[in-house]
Amino acid sequence: MSEPLKTTNHEVIRAWIEAREGRPAVVRTAGKAAVLRVDFGECEDDLQPVEWEEFFAILDGNELAFVHQDITAEGLPSRFNKFVQRE
């Protein structure tokens, strides 16, 4: 199992998401703040797909970093990810 990694590098983030057949998305909400998510597989009802440009504008505008794990304990590609405040 690999340790979680943290990055703000757009190329690294996009490559990780696309390698796992994910898509950039935000949580559908009536509020103004967009909450970033990665959508895997079938499009979830509570998620709205966004273009990469918008995804990264939200990431940078909210000073977020992408935390992700590359490999699970079983040696498979991991989908673990979350967005955290930059330090």
Protein backbone atom coordinates (compact mmCIF):
# COMPACT_ATOMS: atom_id res chain seq x y z
CA MET A 1 0.00 0.00 0.00
CA SER A 2 1.35 3.41 -0.89
CA GLU A 3 1.13 6.36 1.45
CA PRO A 4 -1.28 9.15 0.47
CA LEU A 5 0.35 11.89 -1.60
CA LYS A 6 -0.62 15.56 -1.75
CA THR A 7 -0.27 17.72 -4.84
CA THR A 8 -1.53 20.87 -6.53
CA ASN A 9 0.05 19.96 -9.89
CA HIS A 10 -2.73 19.99 -12.50
CA GLU A 11 -0.99 17.47 -14.78
CA VAL A 12 -0.47 14.96 -11.95
CA ILE A 13 -4.08 15.33 -10.77
CA ARG A 14 -5.55 14.94 -14.24
CA ALA A 15 -3.36 11.92 -15.05
CA TRP A 16 -4.30 10.18 -11.77
CA ILE A 17 -8.04 10.76 -12.31
CA GLU A 18 -8.02 9.74 -15.98
CA ALA A 19 -5.92 6.60 -15.28
CA ARG A 20 -8.80 5.43 -13.06
CA GLU A 21 -11.48 6.39 -15.60
CA GLY A 22 -12.68 9.23 -13.40
CA ARG A 23 -14.17 12.56 -14.37
CA PRO A 24 -14.00 16.00 -12.72
CA ALA A 25 -17.24 16.92 -10.99
CA VAL A 26 -18.84 19.13 -8.35
CA VAL A 27 -21.59 18.32 -5.87
CA ARG A 28 -24.96 19.64 -7.04
CA THR A 29 -26.03 22.25 -4.50
CA ALA A 30 -28.22 25.30 -4.24
CA GLY A 31 -25.40 27.16 -2.50
CA LYS A 32 -22.71 29.22 -4.16
CA ALA A 33 -19.69 27.17 -3.09
CA ALA A 34 -18.72 24.36 -5.43
CA VAL A 35 -17.50 21.19 -3.72
CA LEU A 36 -15.03 19.24 -5.86
CA ARG A 37 -15.37 15.50 -6.38
CA VAL A 38 -14.05 12.82 -8.71
CA ASP A 39 -16.82 10.82 -10.38
CA PHE A 40 -16.00 7.19 -11.21
CA GLY A 41 -18.10 4.84 -13.34
CA GLU A 42 -21.78 5.70 -13.79
CA CYS A 43 -22.51 9.40 -13.32
CA GLU A 44 -23.88 9.88 -9.81
CA ASP A 45 -27.11 11.86 -9.48
CA ASP A 46 -25.72 14.26 -6.89
CA LEU A 47 -22.66 15.10 -9.00
CA GLN A 48 -22.45 17.49 -11.92
CA PRO A 49 -19.65 17.00 -14.45
CA VAL A 50 -17.41 20.03 -15.07
CA GLU A 51 -14.68 20.77 -17.57
CA TRP A 52 -11.07 20.49 -16.46
CA GLU A 53 -10.58 24.26 -16.70
CA GLU A 54 -13.43 24.90 -14.23
CA PHE A 55 -12.28 22.05 -11.97
CA PHE A 56 -8.78 23.52 -11.65
CA ALA A 57 -10.12 27.09 -11.25
CA ILE A 58 -12.13 25.88 -8.23
CA LEU A 59 -9.13 23.94 -6.87
CA ASP A 60 -6.82 26.94 -7.12
CA GLY A 61 -9.43 29.57 -6.20
CA ASN A 62 -10.23 27.77 -2.95
CA GLU A 63 -6.53 27.01 -2.30
CA LEU A 64 -7.14 23.26 -2.23
CA ALA A 65 -4.72 20.38 -2.68
CA PHE A 66 -5.48 16.89 -3.99
CA VAL A 67 -4.65 13.99 -1.67
CA HIS A 68 -4.52 10.60 -3.36
CA GLN A 69 -3.19 7.08 -2.98
CA ASP A 70 -1.62 5.27 -5.92
CA ILE A 71 -1.75 1.60 -4.82
CA THR A 72 -3.99 -0.31 -2.38
CA ALA A 73 -2.71 -2.84 0.18
CA GLU A 74 -3.62 -5.53 -2.38
CA GLY A 75 -1.38 -3.91 -5.00
CA LEU A 76 -4.25 -2.58 -7.13
CA PRO A 77 -4.72 0.99 -8.37
CA SER A 78 -6.38 2.95 -5.57
CA ARG A 79 -9.26 5.39 -6.03
CA PHE A 80 -8.75 6.98 -2.60
CA ASN A 81 -8.78 10.74 -2.95
CA LYS A 82 -9.89 13.86 -1.14
CA PHE A 83 -9.48 17.60 -1.33
CA VAL A 84 -7.85 19.46 1.57
CA GLN A 85 -6.73 22.98 2.33
CA ARG A 86 -3.23 23.85 1.17
CA GLU A 87 -0.76 24.51 3.95
